[in-house]
Amino acid sequence: MSRVAETDGDIFLTYVLRARAYDALGERSQAVADYERALSLEPGYDRAYLPLATLYFETERYADAAVLFGRAYDATDSPGVPRDDALLLAATLSMKFDGRDREAQTYLERESVRMQRPGLVYDVARYYVNPGNDSYVIAQIAREEDPFLRARMHFYVGAQSELLGRRNSALAMYR
């Protein structure tokens, strides 16, 4: 695959596939470089937004992660594509880790009108906006039947707890 990228650098999908391979091998910097190259060649290729946003988050490039999580959410808000409201939480969380709390709050308040209600992701979004007592949202997570969604919401509430300085709560949510 590397030889294809070297001989025809304009084949953006080659970079995407190689980025996935690098990511699977734990070679984050190479994966980031290839995703970035793919998006420079094909900026509208929305299937690269989420994996690159995740890599940005994991490598503490929170501002970049916030932008791409937002783009990934917008890409899921089109006909025929199931909307993933949790991407709004990912964008918000990235802004918070970047130290932009007020911007994160404003963003989530503005964008949450697009979220499915009622629902667990909406409940977690409300907790992000007003992070008082977490008992309600923790109970809602415990009732969730989808283990993948439950795990994701544990992460989001744990990260919010971490940012609020509630270390023990964060550790409990991460387990």
C-alpha atoms as a PDB file:
ATOM      1  CA  MET A   1       0.000   0.000   0.000  1.00  0.00           C
ATOM      2  CA  SER A   2       2.859   2.372   0.739  1.00  0.00           C
ATOM      3  CA  ARG A   3       4.191   1.875  -2.783  1.00  0.00           C
ATOM      4  CA  VAL A   4       0.828   2.884  -4.233  1.00  0.00           C
ATOM      5  CA  ALA A   5       0.845   6.049  -2.109  1.00  0.00           C
ATOM      6  CA  GLU A   6       4.392   6.807  -3.233  1.00  0.00           C
ATOM      7  CA  THR A   7       3.652   6.312  -6.929  1.00  0.00           C
ATOM      8  CA  ASP A   8       0.230   7.971  -7.041  1.00  0.00           C
ATOM      9  CA  GLY A   9      -0.104  10.354  -4.130  1.00  0.00           C
ATOM     10  CA  ASP A  10      -3.444  11.630  -5.405  1.00  0.00           C
ATOM     11  CA  ILE A  11      -5.348   8.464  -4.580  1.00  0.00           C
ATOM     12  CA  PHE A  12      -6.849   9.674  -1.324  1.00  0.00           C
ATOM     13  CA  LEU A  13      -8.360   6.310  -0.423  1.00  0.00           C
ATOM     14  CA  THR A  14      -4.886   4.786  -0.313  1.00  0.00           C
ATOM     15  CA  TYR A  15      -4.036   7.192   2.485  1.00  0.00           C
ATOM     16  CA  VAL A  16      -7.240   6.364   4.343  1.00  0.00           C
ATOM     17  CA  LEU A  17      -6.568   2.632   4.184  1.00  0.00           C
ATOM     18  CA  ARG A  18      -2.950   3.048   5.200  1.00  0.00           C
ATOM     19  CA  ALA A  19      -4.025   5.345   8.054  1.00  0.00           C
ATOM     20  CA  ARG A  20      -6.350   2.616   9.319  1.00  0.00           C
ATOM     21  CA  ALA A  21      -3.511   0.118   9.192  1.00  0.00           C
ATOM     22  CA  TYR A  22      -1.157   2.471  11.057  1.00  0.00           C
ATOM     23  CA  ASP A  23      -3.855   3.120  13.658  1.00  0.00           C
ATOM     24  CA  ALA A  24      -4.391  -0.620  14.160  1.00  0.00           C
ATOM     25  CA  LEU A  25      -0.639  -0.992  14.717  1.00  0.00           C
ATOM     26  CA  GLY A  26      -0.619   1.839  17.244  1.00  0.00           C
ATOM     27  CA  GLU A  27       1.389   4.111  14.953  1.00  0.00           C
ATOM     28  CA  ARG A  28      -0.664   7.208  15.728  1.00  0.00           C
ATOM     29  CA  SER A  29       1.540   9.883  14.196  1.00  0.00           C
ATOM     30  CA  GLN A  30       1.690   8.038  10.868  1.00  0.00           C
ATOM     31  CA  ALA A  31      -2.071   7.433  10.981  1.00  0.00           C
ATOM     32  CA  VAL A  32      -2.728  11.127  11.635  1.00  0.00           C
ATOM     33  CA  ALA A  33      -0.433  12.147   8.775  1.00  0.00           C
ATOM     34  CA  ASP A  34      -2.184   9.826   6.328  1.00  0.00           C
ATOM     35  CA  TYR A  35      -5.696  10.864   7.375  1.00  0.00           C
ATOM     36  CA  GLU A  36      -4.659  14.509   7.043  1.00  0.00           C
ATOM     37  CA  ARG A  37      -3.214  13.837   3.585  1.00  0.00           C
ATOM     38  CA  ALA A  38      -6.392  12.023   2.526  1.00  0.00           C
ATOM     39  CA  LEU A  39      -8.546  14.937   3.685  1.00  0.00           C
ATOM     40  CA  SER A  40      -6.289  17.439   1.933  1.00  0.00           C
ATOM     41  CA  LEU A  41      -6.931  15.529  -1.287  1.00  0.00           C
ATOM     42  CA  GLU A  42     -10.637  14.936  -0.639  1.00  0.00           C
ATOM     43  CA  PRO A  43     -11.890  17.365   2.053  1.00  0.00           C
ATOM     44  CA  GLY A  44     -15.472  16.078   1.859  1.00  0.00           C
ATOM     45  CA  TYR A  45     -14.586  12.475   2.663  1.00  0.00           C
ATOM     46  CA  ASP A  46     -16.567  12.393   5.894  1.00  0.00           C
ATOM     47  CA  ARG A  47     -15.659   8.795   6.750  1.00  0.00           C
ATOM     48  CA  ALA A  48     -12.214  10.018   7.762  1.00  0.00           C
ATOM     49  CA  TYR A  49     -13.526  12.638  10.208  1.00  0.00           C
ATOM     50  CA  LEU A  50     -14.321  10.342  13.113  1.00  0.00           C
ATOM     51  CA  PRO A  51     -11.142   8.227  13.153  1.00  0.00           C
ATOM     52  CA  LEU A  52      -8.966  11.323  12.755  1.00  0.00           C
ATOM     53  CA  ALA A  53     -10.937  13.177  15.454  1.00  0.00           C
ATOM     54  CA  THR A  54     -10.418  10.217  17.772  1.00  0.00           C
ATOM     55  CA  LEU A  55      -6.685  10.202  17.074  1.00  0.00           C
ATOM     56  CA  TYR A  56      -6.529  13.938  17.693  1.00  0.00           C
ATOM     57  CA  PHE A  57      -8.309  13.457  21.028  1.00  0.00           C
ATOM     58  CA  GLU A  58      -6.013  10.590  22.031  1.00  0.00           C
ATOM     59  CA  THR A  59      -2.940  12.686  21.221  1.00  0.00           C
ATOM     60  CA  GLU A  60      -4.329  15.708  23.100  1.00  0.00           C
ATOM     61  CA  ARG A  61      -4.961  17.826  20.007  1.00  0.00           C
ATOM     62  CA  TYR A  62      -8.308  18.793  21.479  1.00  0.00           C
ATOM     63  CA  ALA A  63      -9.049  21.843  19.319  1.00  0.00           C
ATOM     64  CA  ASP A  64      -8.594  19.781  16.147  1.00  0.00           C
ATOM     65  CA  ALA A  65     -10.637  16.944  17.644  1.00  0.00           C
ATOM     66  CA  ALA A  66     -13.533  19.290  18.436  1.00  0.00           C
ATOM     67  CA  VAL A  67     -13.685  20.527  14.845  1.00  0.00           C
ATOM     68  CA  LEU A  68     -13.686  17.048  13.348  1.00  0.00           C
ATOM     69  CA  PHE A  69     -16.137  15.564  15.859  1.00  0.00           C
ATOM     70  CA  GLY A  70     -18.468  18.417  14.893  1.00  0.00           C
ATOM     71  CA  ARG A  71     -17.983  17.669  11.192  1.00  0.00           C
ATOM     72  CA  ALA A  72     -18.551  13.969  11.826  1.00  0.00           C
ATOM     73  CA  TYR A  73     -21.817  14.817  13.585  1.00  0.00           C
ATOM     74  CA  ASP A  74     -22.925  17.039  10.716  1.00  0.00           C
ATOM     75  CA  ALA A  75     -22.152  14.203   8.297  1.00  0.00           C
ATOM     76  CA  THR A  76     -24.465  11.868  10.251  1.00  0.00           C
ATOM     77  CA  ASP A  77     -27.256  14.420  10.110  1.00  0.00           C
ATOM     78  CA  SER A  78     -28.103  13.755   6.468  1.00  0.00           C
ATOM     79  CA  PRO A  79     -30.703  11.566   4.741  1.00  0.00           C
ATOM     80  CA  GLY A  80     -29.982   7.864   4.907  1.00  0.00           C
ATOM     81  CA  VAL A  81     -27.280   8.195   7.563  1.00  0.00           C
ATOM     82  CA  PRO A  82     -28.130   7.310  11.172  1.00  0.00           C
ATOM     83  CA  ARG A  83     -27.456  10.332  13.366  1.00  0.00           C
ATOM     84  CA  ASP A  84     -24.975   9.852  16.196  1.00  0.00           C
ATOM     85  CA  ASP A  85     -25.845  12.462  18.817  1.00  0.00           C
ATOM     86  CA  ALA A  86     -22.945  11.292  20.996  1.00  0.00           C
ATOM     87  CA  LEU A  87     -20.594  13.038  18.571  1.00  0.00           C
ATOM     88  CA  LEU A  88     -21.894  16.329  19.977  1.00  0.00           C
ATOM     89  CA  LEU A  89     -20.697  15.140  23.381  1.00  0.00           C
ATOM     90  CA  ALA A  90     -17.310  14.254  21.873  1.00  0.00           C
ATOM     91  CA  ALA A  91     -16.963  17.728  20.326  1.00  0.00           C
ATOM     92  CA  THR A  92     -18.032  19.368  23.584  1.00  0.00           C
ATOM     93  CA  LEU A  93     -15.676  17.243  25.647  1.00  0.00           C
ATOM     94  CA  SER A  94     -12.802  18.102  23.308  1.00  0.00           C
ATOM     95  CA  MET A  95     -13.495  21.811  23.782  1.00  0.00           C
ATOM     96  CA  LYS A  96     -13.591  21.348  27.555  1.00  0.00           C
ATOM     97  CA  PHE A  97     -10.260  19.506  27.571  1.00  0.00           C
ATOM     98  CA  ASP A  98      -8.920  22.359  25.422  1.00  0.00           C
ATOM     99  CA  GLY A  99      -9.872  24.788  28.203  1.00  0.00           C
ATOM    100  CA  ARG A 100     -12.774  26.341  26.297  1.00  0.00           C
ATOM    101  CA  ASP A 101     -15.526  25.622  28.817  1.00  0.00           C
ATOM    102  CA  ARG A 102     -17.792  28.543  27.949  1.00  0.00           C
ATOM    103  CA  GLU A 103     -17.549  27.848  24.218  1.00  0.00           C
ATOM    104  CA  ALA A 104     -18.285  24.171  24.875  1.00  0.00           C
ATOM    105  CA  GLN A 105     -21.372  25.043  26.897  1.00  0.00           C
ATOM    106  CA  THR A 106     -22.657  27.455  24.245  1.00  0.00           C
ATOM    107  CA  TYR A 107     -21.985  24.921  21.488  1.00  0.00           C
ATOM    108  CA  LEU A 108     -23.840  22.129  23.255  1.00  0.00           C
ATOM    109  CA  GLU A 109     -26.784  24.345  24.189  1.00  0.00           C
ATOM    110  CA  ARG A 110     -27.086  25.482  20.555  1.00  0.00           C
ATOM    111  CA  GLU A 111     -26.637  22.067  18.960  1.00  0.00           C
ATOM    112  CA  SER A 112     -28.623  19.959  21.442  1.00  0.00           C
ATOM    113  CA  VAL A 113     -31.879  21.071  19.822  1.00  0.00           C
ATOM    114  CA  ARG A 114     -31.017  18.557  17.082  1.00  0.00           C
ATOM    115  CA  MET A 115     -30.708  15.663  19.554  1.00  0.00           C
ATOM    116  CA  GLN A 116     -33.247  12.892  19.921  1.00  0.00           C
ATOM    117  CA  ARG A 117     -35.437  13.371  22.994  1.00  0.00           C
ATOM    118  CA  PRO A 118     -35.990  11.677  25.272  1.00  0.00           C
ATOM    119  CA  GLY A 119     -32.847   9.621  25.299  1.00  0.00           C
ATOM    120  CA  LEU A 120     -29.719   8.759  27.202  1.00  0.00           C
ATOM    121  CA  VAL A 121     -27.412  10.912  25.086  1.00  0.00           C
ATOM    122  CA  TYR A 122     -29.704  13.881  25.623  1.00  0.00           C
ATOM    123  CA  ASP A 123     -29.666  13.202  29.384  1.00  0.00           C
ATOM    124  CA  VAL A 124     -25.860  13.210  29.376  1.00  0.00           C
ATOM    125  CA  ALA A 125     -25.888  16.430  27.328  1.00  0.00           C
ATOM    126  CA  ARG A 126     -28.141  18.029  29.935  1.00  0.00           C
ATOM    127  CA  TYR A 127     -25.683  16.870  32.615  1.00  0.00           C
ATOM    128  CA  TYR A 128     -22.843  18.526  30.654  1.00  0.00           C
ATOM    129  CA  VAL A 129     -24.758  21.794  30.556  1.00  0.00           C
ATOM    130  CA  ASN A 130     -25.729  21.618  34.231  1.00  0.00           C
ATOM    131  CA  PRO A 131     -23.276  19.284  36.010  1.00  0.00           C
ATOM    132  CA  GLY A 132     -24.824  19.287  39.464  1.00  0.00           C
ATOM    133  CA  ASN A 133     -25.775  15.959  40.965  1.00  0.00           C
ATOM    134  CA  ASP A 134     -24.846  13.046  38.703  1.00  0.00           C
ATOM    135  CA  SER A 135     -27.179  10.497  40.357  1.00  0.00           C
ATOM    136  CA  TYR A 136     -29.928  10.832  37.737  1.00  0.00           C
ATOM    137  CA  VAL A 137     -27.657  10.423  34.731  1.00  0.00           C
ATOM    138  CA  ILE A 138     -25.800   7.502  36.350  1.00  0.00           C
ATOM    139  CA  ALA A 139     -29.139   5.773  36.987  1.00  0.00           C
ATOM    140  CA  GLN A 140     -30.146   6.357  33.354  1.00  0.00           C
ATOM    141  CA  ILE A 141     -26.876   4.840  32.162  1.00  0.00           C
ATOM    142  CA  ALA A 142     -27.389   1.801  34.406  1.00  0.00           C
ATOM    143  CA  ARG A 143     -30.824   1.237  32.800  1.00  0.00           C
ATOM    144  CA  GLU A 144     -29.479   1.372  29.256  1.00  0.00           C
ATOM    145  CA  GLU A 145     -29.760  -2.024  27.538  1.00  0.00           C
ATOM    146  CA  ASP A 146     -27.297  -1.362  24.703  1.00  0.00           C
ATOM    147  CA  PRO A 147     -23.861  -2.225  26.172  1.00  0.00           C
ATOM    148  CA  PHE A 148     -21.994  -0.148  23.571  1.00  0.00           C
ATOM    149  CA  LEU A 149     -24.047   2.976  24.268  1.00  0.00           C
ATOM    150  CA  ARG A 150     -23.796   2.353  28.010  1.00  0.00           C
ATOM    151  CA  ALA A 151     -19.981   2.128  27.765  1.00  0.00           C
ATOM    152  CA  ARG A 152     -19.777   5.317  25.710  1.00  0.00           C
ATOM    153  CA  MET A 153     -21.915   7.228  28.198  1.00  0.00           C
ATOM    154  CA  HIS A 154     -19.808   5.919  31.089  1.00  0.00           C
ATOM    155  CA  PHE A 155     -16.807   7.428  29.316  1.00  0.00           C
ATOM    156  CA  TYR A 156     -18.499  10.799  28.722  1.00  0.00           C
ATOM    157  CA  VAL A 157     -19.755  11.120  32.296  1.00  0.00           C
ATOM    158  CA  GLY A 158     -16.392   9.934  33.628  1.00  0.00           C
ATOM    159  CA  ALA A 159     -14.548  12.529  31.560  1.00  0.00           C
ATOM    160  CA  GLN A 160     -16.921  15.254  32.759  1.00  0.00           C
ATOM    161  CA  SER A 161     -16.326  14.133  36.355  1.00  0.00           C
ATOM    162  CA  GLU A 162     -12.577  14.243  35.751  1.00  0.00           C
ATOM    163  CA  LEU A 163     -12.811  17.797  34.432  1.00  0.00           C
ATOM    164  CA  LEU A 164     -14.862  18.789  37.479  1.00  0.00           C
ATOM    165  CA  GLY A 165     -12.156  17.420  39.781  1.00  0.00           C
ATOM    166  CA  ARG A 166     -14.287  14.501  40.930  1.00  0.00           C
ATOM    167  CA  ARG A 167     -11.562  11.894  40.604  1.00  0.00           C
ATOM    168  CA  ASN A 168     -13.302   9.063  42.455  1.00  0.00           C
ATOM    169  CA  SER A 169     -16.486   9.519  40.442  1.00  0.00           C
ATOM    170  CA  ALA A 170     -14.456   9.562  37.244  1.00  0.00           C
ATOM    171  CA  LEU A 171     -12.628   6.361  38.145  1.00  0.00           C
ATOM    172  CA  ALA A 172     -15.934   4.656  39.011  1.00  0.00           C
ATOM    173  CA  MET A 173     -17.369   5.611  35.617  1.00  0.00           C
ATOM    174  CA  TYR A 174     -14.275   4.471  33.719  1.00  0.00           C
ATOM    175  CA  ARG A 175     -14.398   0.970  35.254  1.00  0.00           C
END
